[in-house]
């Protein structure tokens, strides 16, 4: 019977050893709680990171689309501004050509044009020395160039040149 008793004790020890291993592998309730808590924190951190990344990408896409709109508006504005500048210059050139035609046809006196330009000077705030020249007498019909005081009519060049 001692042999049977020894075998029974050995089997009991093996069973106890197996149970201890199983209990060691099974976590306790507080360990389970900590594991669940860590998983929740990890998943919430991952969710927050994903949300932050998605928000950043959405803001970047929105900023890029706004930038595209602003660039296209700037290009349109620059084209419109260039067209308006060209139109204004064309009107000014056409007006100057009309004035020159009137002067050439003796329909407009240089002194009248000078008065008009002086009025324009006041409105555009041109420098005073621009109109500092004294107007000369009007050329007689048939007279090509009038020289007054050793200078041509407009006063820019000497008669000797």
C-alpha atoms as a PDB file:
ATOM      1  CA  UNK A   1       0.000   0.000   0.000  1.00  0.00           C
ATOM      2  CA  UNK A   2       2.878   2.289   0.422  1.00  0.00           C
ATOM      3  CA  UNK A   3       3.559   2.048  -3.275  1.00  0.00           C
ATOM      4  CA  UNK A   4      -0.020   2.919  -4.101  1.00  0.00           C
ATOM      5  CA  UNK A   5       0.069   5.726  -1.619  1.00  0.00           C
ATOM      6  CA  UNK A   6       3.310   7.084  -3.161  1.00  0.00           C
ATOM      7  CA  UNK A   7       1.781   6.928  -6.652  1.00  0.00           C
ATOM      8  CA  UNK A   8      -1.311   8.746  -5.435  1.00  0.00           C
ATOM      9  CA  UNK A   9       0.803  11.441  -3.774  1.00  0.00           C
ATOM     10  CA  UNK A  10       2.878  11.827  -6.945  1.00  0.00           C
ATOM     11  CA  UNK A  11      -0.276  12.196  -9.051  1.00  0.00           C
ATOM     12  CA  UNK A  12      -1.651  14.686  -6.543  1.00  0.00           C
ATOM     13  CA  UNK A  13       1.582  16.722  -6.680  1.00  0.00           C
ATOM     14  CA  UNK A  14       1.517  16.739 -10.505  1.00  0.00           C
ATOM     15  CA  UNK A  15      -2.121  17.861 -10.434  1.00  0.00           C
ATOM     16  CA  UNK A  16      -1.331  20.616  -7.933  1.00  0.00           C
ATOM     17  CA  UNK A  17       1.618  21.704 -10.070  1.00  0.00           C
ATOM     18  CA  UNK A  18      -0.585  21.837 -13.177  1.00  0.00           C
ATOM     19  CA  UNK A  19      -3.204  23.883 -11.324  1.00  0.00           C
ATOM     20  CA  UNK A  20      -0.565  26.316 -10.087  1.00  0.00           C
ATOM     21  CA  UNK A  21       0.678  26.821 -13.654  1.00  0.00           C
ATOM     22  CA  UNK A  22      -2.871  27.446 -14.833  1.00  0.00           C
ATOM     23  CA  UNK A  23      -3.539  29.927 -12.064  1.00  0.00           C
ATOM     24  CA  UNK A  24      -0.260  31.713 -12.763  1.00  0.00           C
ATOM     25  CA  UNK A  25      -1.253  32.108 -16.432  1.00  0.00           C
ATOM     26  CA  UNK A  26      -4.739  33.426 -15.579  1.00  0.00           C
ATOM     27  CA  UNK A  27      -4.526  37.116 -14.610  1.00  0.00           C
ATOM     28  CA  UNK A  28      -6.177  38.387 -11.487  1.00  0.00           C
ATOM     29  CA  UNK A  29      -9.085  40.830 -11.652  1.00  0.00           C
ATOM     30  CA  UNK A  30      -6.926  43.865 -10.836  1.00  0.00           C
ATOM     31  CA  UNK A  31      -4.459  42.780 -13.518  1.00  0.00           C
ATOM     32  CA  UNK A  32      -7.362  42.406 -15.967  1.00  0.00           C
ATOM     33  CA  UNK A  33      -8.568  45.883 -15.020  1.00  0.00           C
ATOM     34  CA  UNK A  34      -5.097  47.353 -15.637  1.00  0.00           C
ATOM     35  CA  UNK A  35      -4.850  45.561 -19.002  1.00  0.00           C
ATOM     36  CA  UNK A  36      -8.286  46.856 -20.056  1.00  0.00           C
ATOM     37  CA  UNK A  37      -7.390  50.340 -18.864  1.00  0.00           C
ATOM     38  CA  UNK A  38      -4.114  50.269 -20.836  1.00  0.00           C
ATOM     39  CA  UNK A  39      -5.964  49.082 -23.963  1.00  0.00           C
ATOM     40  CA  UNK A  40      -8.535  51.866 -23.577  1.00  0.00           C
ATOM     41  CA  UNK A  41      -5.809  54.487 -23.114  1.00  0.00           C
ATOM     42  CA  UNK A  42      -3.908  53.115 -26.094  1.00  0.00           C
ATOM     43  CA  UNK A  43      -6.983  53.100 -28.323  1.00  0.00           C
ATOM     44  CA  UNK A  44      -7.986  56.599 -27.184  1.00  0.00           C
ATOM     45  CA  UNK A  45      -4.446  57.849 -27.904  1.00  0.00           C
ATOM     46  CA  UNK A  46      -4.567  56.220 -31.333  1.00  0.00           C
ATOM     47  CA  UNK A  47      -7.988  57.774 -31.971  1.00  0.00           C
ATOM     48  CA  UNK A  48      -6.728  61.199 -30.863  1.00  0.00           C
ATOM     49  CA  UNK A  49      -3.669  60.861 -33.110  1.00  0.00           C
ATOM     50  CA  UNK A  50      -5.837  59.804 -36.049  1.00  0.00           C
ATOM     51  CA  UNK A  51      -8.227  62.677 -35.384  1.00  0.00           C
ATOM     52  CA  UNK A  52      -5.353  65.158 -35.119  1.00  0.00           C
ATOM     53  CA  UNK A  53      -3.829  63.843 -38.356  1.00  0.00           C
ATOM     54  CA  UNK A  54      -7.179  63.979 -40.186  1.00  0.00           C
ATOM     55  CA  UNK A  55      -7.823  67.515 -38.910  1.00  0.00           C
ATOM     56  CA  UNK A  56      -4.377  68.648 -40.043  1.00  0.00           C
ATOM     57  CA  UNK A  57      -4.860  67.122 -43.495  1.00  0.00           C
ATOM     58  CA  UNK A  58      -8.318  68.714 -43.829  1.00  0.00           C
ATOM     59  CA  UNK A  59      -6.969  72.129 -42.803  1.00  0.00           C
ATOM     60  CA  UNK A  60      -4.068  71.758 -45.231  1.00  0.00           C
ATOM     61  CA  UNK A  61      -6.428  70.828 -48.067  1.00  0.00           C
ATOM     62  CA  UNK A  62      -8.645  73.811 -47.234  1.00  0.00           C
ATOM     63  CA  UNK A  63      -5.660  76.162 -47.113  1.00  0.00           C
ATOM     64  CA  UNK A  64      -4.407  74.822 -50.454  1.00  0.00           C
ATOM     65  CA  UNK A  65      -7.804  75.375 -52.066  1.00  0.00           C
ATOM     66  CA  UNK A  66      -7.973  78.922 -50.645  1.00  0.00           C
ATOM     67  CA  UNK A  67      -4.481  79.570 -51.973  1.00  0.00           C
ATOM     68  CA  UNK A  68      -5.527  78.351 -55.428  1.00  0.00           C
ATOM     69  CA  UNK A  69      -8.554  80.666 -55.362  1.00  0.00           C
ATOM     70  CA  UNK A  70      -6.424  83.626 -54.237  1.00  0.00           C
ATOM     71  CA  UNK A  71      -3.837  82.967 -56.950  1.00  0.00           C
ATOM     72  CA  UNK A  72      -6.501  82.803 -59.652  1.00  0.00           C
ATOM     73  CA  UNK A  73      -8.129  86.006 -58.348  1.00  0.00           C
ATOM     74  CA  UNK A  74      -4.746  87.744 -58.302  1.00  0.00           C
ATOM     75  CA  UNK A  75      -4.052  86.676 -61.896  1.00  0.00           C
ATOM     76  CA  UNK A  76      -7.474  87.905 -63.028  1.00  0.00           C
ATOM     77  CA  UNK A  77      -6.989  91.197 -61.169  1.00  0.00           C
ATOM     78  CA  UNK A  78      -3.539  91.718 -62.708  1.00  0.00           C
ATOM     79  CA  UNK A  79      -4.906  91.045 -66.213  1.00  0.00           C
ATOM     80  CA  UNK A  80      -7.796  93.413 -65.601  1.00  0.00           C
ATOM     81  CA  UNK A  81      -5.449  96.062 -64.196  1.00  0.00           C
ATOM     82  CA  UNK A  82      -3.101  95.722 -67.181  1.00  0.00           C
ATOM     83  CA  UNK A  83      -6.035  96.043 -69.566  1.00  0.00           C
ATOM     84  CA  UNK A  84      -7.321  99.119 -67.731  1.00  0.00           C
ATOM     85  CA  UNK A  85      -3.826 100.683 -67.767  1.00  0.00           C
ATOM     86  CA  UNK A  86      -3.509 100.054 -71.502  1.00  0.00           C
ATOM     87  CA  UNK A  87      -6.951 101.503 -72.086  1.00  0.00           C
ATOM     88  CA  UNK A  88      -6.116 104.644 -70.095  1.00  0.00           C
ATOM     89  CA  UNK A  89      -2.826 105.085 -71.950  1.00  0.00           C
ATOM     90  CA  UNK A  90      -4.582 104.622 -75.288  1.00  0.00           C
ATOM     91  CA  UNK A  91      -7.148 107.298 -74.386  1.00  0.00           C
ATOM     92  CA  UNK A  92      -4.368 109.666 -73.348  1.00  0.00           C
ATOM     93  CA  UNK A  93      -2.400 109.050 -76.558  1.00  0.00           C
ATOM     94  CA  UNK A  94      -5.536 109.538 -78.675  1.00  0.00           C
ATOM     95  CA  UNK A  95      -6.287 112.808 -76.866  1.00  0.00           C
ATOM     96  CA  UNK A  96      -2.704 113.978 -77.424  1.00  0.00           C
ATOM     97  CA  UNK A  97      -2.922 113.096 -81.119  1.00  0.00           C
ATOM     98  CA  UNK A  98      -6.176 115.052 -81.409  1.00  0.00           C
ATOM     99  CA  UNK A  99      -4.546 118.060 -79.703  1.00  0.00           C
ATOM    100  CA  UNK A 100      -1.561 117.876 -82.032  1.00  0.00           C
ATOM    101  CA  UNK A 101      -3.868 117.731 -85.056  1.00  0.00           C
ATOM    102  CA  UNK A 102      -5.715 120.806 -83.793  1.00  0.00           C
ATOM    103  CA  UNK A 103      -2.432 122.648 -83.250  1.00  0.00           C
ATOM    104  CA  UNK A 104      -1.198 121.641 -86.722  1.00  0.00           C
ATOM    105  CA  UNK A 105      -4.441 122.843 -88.330  1.00  0.00           C
ATOM    106  CA  UNK A 106      -4.105 126.153 -86.447  1.00  0.00           C
ATOM    107  CA  UNK A 107      -7.415 125.489 -84.684  1.00  0.00           C
ATOM    108  CA  UNK A 108      -5.752 125.559 -81.280  1.00  0.00           C
ATOM    109  CA  UNK A 109      -3.201 128.022 -80.006  1.00  0.00           C
ATOM    110  CA  UNK A 110      -0.181 126.862 -78.055  1.00  0.00           C
ATOM    111  CA  UNK A 111      -1.051 129.336 -75.295  1.00  0.00           C
ATOM    112  CA  UNK A 112      -4.504 127.741 -74.935  1.00  0.00           C
ATOM    113  CA  UNK A 113      -2.921 124.320 -74.721  1.00  0.00           C
ATOM    114  CA  UNK A 114      -0.474 125.616 -72.125  1.00  0.00           C
ATOM    115  CA  UNK A 115      -3.371 126.867 -70.004  1.00  0.00           C
ATOM    116  CA  UNK A 116      -5.053 123.474 -70.301  1.00  0.00           C
ATOM    117  CA  UNK A 117      -1.835 121.706 -69.297  1.00  0.00           C
ATOM    118  CA  UNK A 118      -1.372 124.030 -66.316  1.00  0.00           C
ATOM    119  CA  UNK A 119      -4.903 123.209 -65.174  1.00  0.00           C
ATOM    120  CA  UNK A 120      -4.052 119.544 -65.581  1.00  0.00           C
ATOM    121  CA  UNK A 121      -0.851 120.131 -63.573  1.00  0.00           C
ATOM    122  CA  UNK A 122      -2.891 121.386 -60.656  1.00  0.00           C
ATOM    123  CA  UNK A 123      -5.168 118.361 -60.794  1.00  0.00           C
ATOM    124  CA  UNK A 124      -2.296 115.862 -61.095  1.00  0.00           C
ATOM    125  CA  UNK A 125       0.203 117.708 -58.868  1.00  0.00           C
ATOM    126  CA  UNK A 126       2.964 117.749 -61.457  1.00  0.00           C
ATOM    127  CA  UNK A 127       6.221 119.459 -60.444  1.00  0.00           C
ATOM    128  CA  UNK A 128       6.210 123.235 -60.929  1.00  0.00           C
ATOM    129  CA  UNK A 129       9.422 123.237 -63.002  1.00  0.00           C
ATOM    130  CA  UNK A 130       7.582 121.174 -65.626  1.00  0.00           C
ATOM    131  CA  UNK A 131       5.662 124.314 -66.632  1.00  0.00           C
ATOM    132  CA  UNK A 132       8.331 126.890 -65.735  1.00  0.00           C
ATOM    133  CA  UNK A 133       9.023 127.721 -69.390  1.00  0.00           C
ATOM    134  CA  UNK A 134       7.603 131.001 -70.625  1.00  0.00           C
ATOM    135  CA  UNK A 135       5.342 130.560 -73.655  1.00  0.00           C
ATOM    136  CA  UNK A 136       6.639 132.207 -76.801  1.00  0.00           C
ATOM    137  CA  UNK A 137       4.622 134.012 -79.367  1.00  0.00           C
ATOM    138  CA  UNK A 138       2.609 131.941 -81.811  1.00  0.00           C
ATOM    139  CA  UNK A 139       4.254 131.280 -85.158  1.00  0.00           C
ATOM    140  CA  UNK A 140       2.960 133.190 -88.094  1.00  0.00           C
ATOM    141  CA  UNK A 141       1.383 131.092 -90.872  1.00  0.00           C
ATOM    142  CA  UNK A 142       4.113 129.822 -93.170  1.00  0.00           C
ATOM    143  CA  UNK A 143       6.848 130.378 -90.602  1.00  0.00           C
ATOM    144  CA  UNK A 144       8.476 127.048 -89.777  1.00  0.00           C
ATOM    145  CA  UNK A 145      10.160 127.685 -86.442  1.00  0.00           C
ATOM    146  CA  UNK A 146      10.196 130.778 -84.325  1.00  0.00           C
ATOM    147  CA  UNK A 147      13.355 131.661 -82.438  1.00  0.00           C
ATOM    148  CA  UNK A 148      12.974 133.975 -79.468  1.00  0.00           C
ATOM    149  CA  UNK A 149      15.986 135.135 -77.497  1.00  0.00           C
ATOM    150  CA  UNK A 150      18.465 132.737 -79.143  1.00  0.00           C
ATOM    151  CA  UNK A 151      16.233 129.742 -78.285  1.00  0.00           C
ATOM    152  CA  UNK A 152      13.622 127.819 -80.165  1.00  0.00           C
ATOM    153  CA  UNK A 153       9.973 128.331 -79.313  1.00  0.00           C
ATOM    154  CA  UNK A 154       9.774 125.526 -76.770  1.00  0.00           C
ATOM    155  CA  UNK A 155      12.987 126.688 -75.089  1.00  0.00           C
ATOM    156  CA  UNK A 156      14.630 123.276 -75.049  1.00  0.00           C
ATOM    157  CA  UNK A 157      17.459 123.890 -77.529  1.00  0.00           C
ATOM    158  CA  UNK A 158      19.658 126.837 -78.397  1.00  0.00           C
ATOM    159  CA  UNK A 159      19.494 128.202 -81.932  1.00  0.00           C
ATOM    160  CA  UNK A 160      23.223 127.513 -82.294  1.00  0.00           C
ATOM    161  CA  UNK A 161      22.813 123.760 -81.900  1.00  0.00           C
END
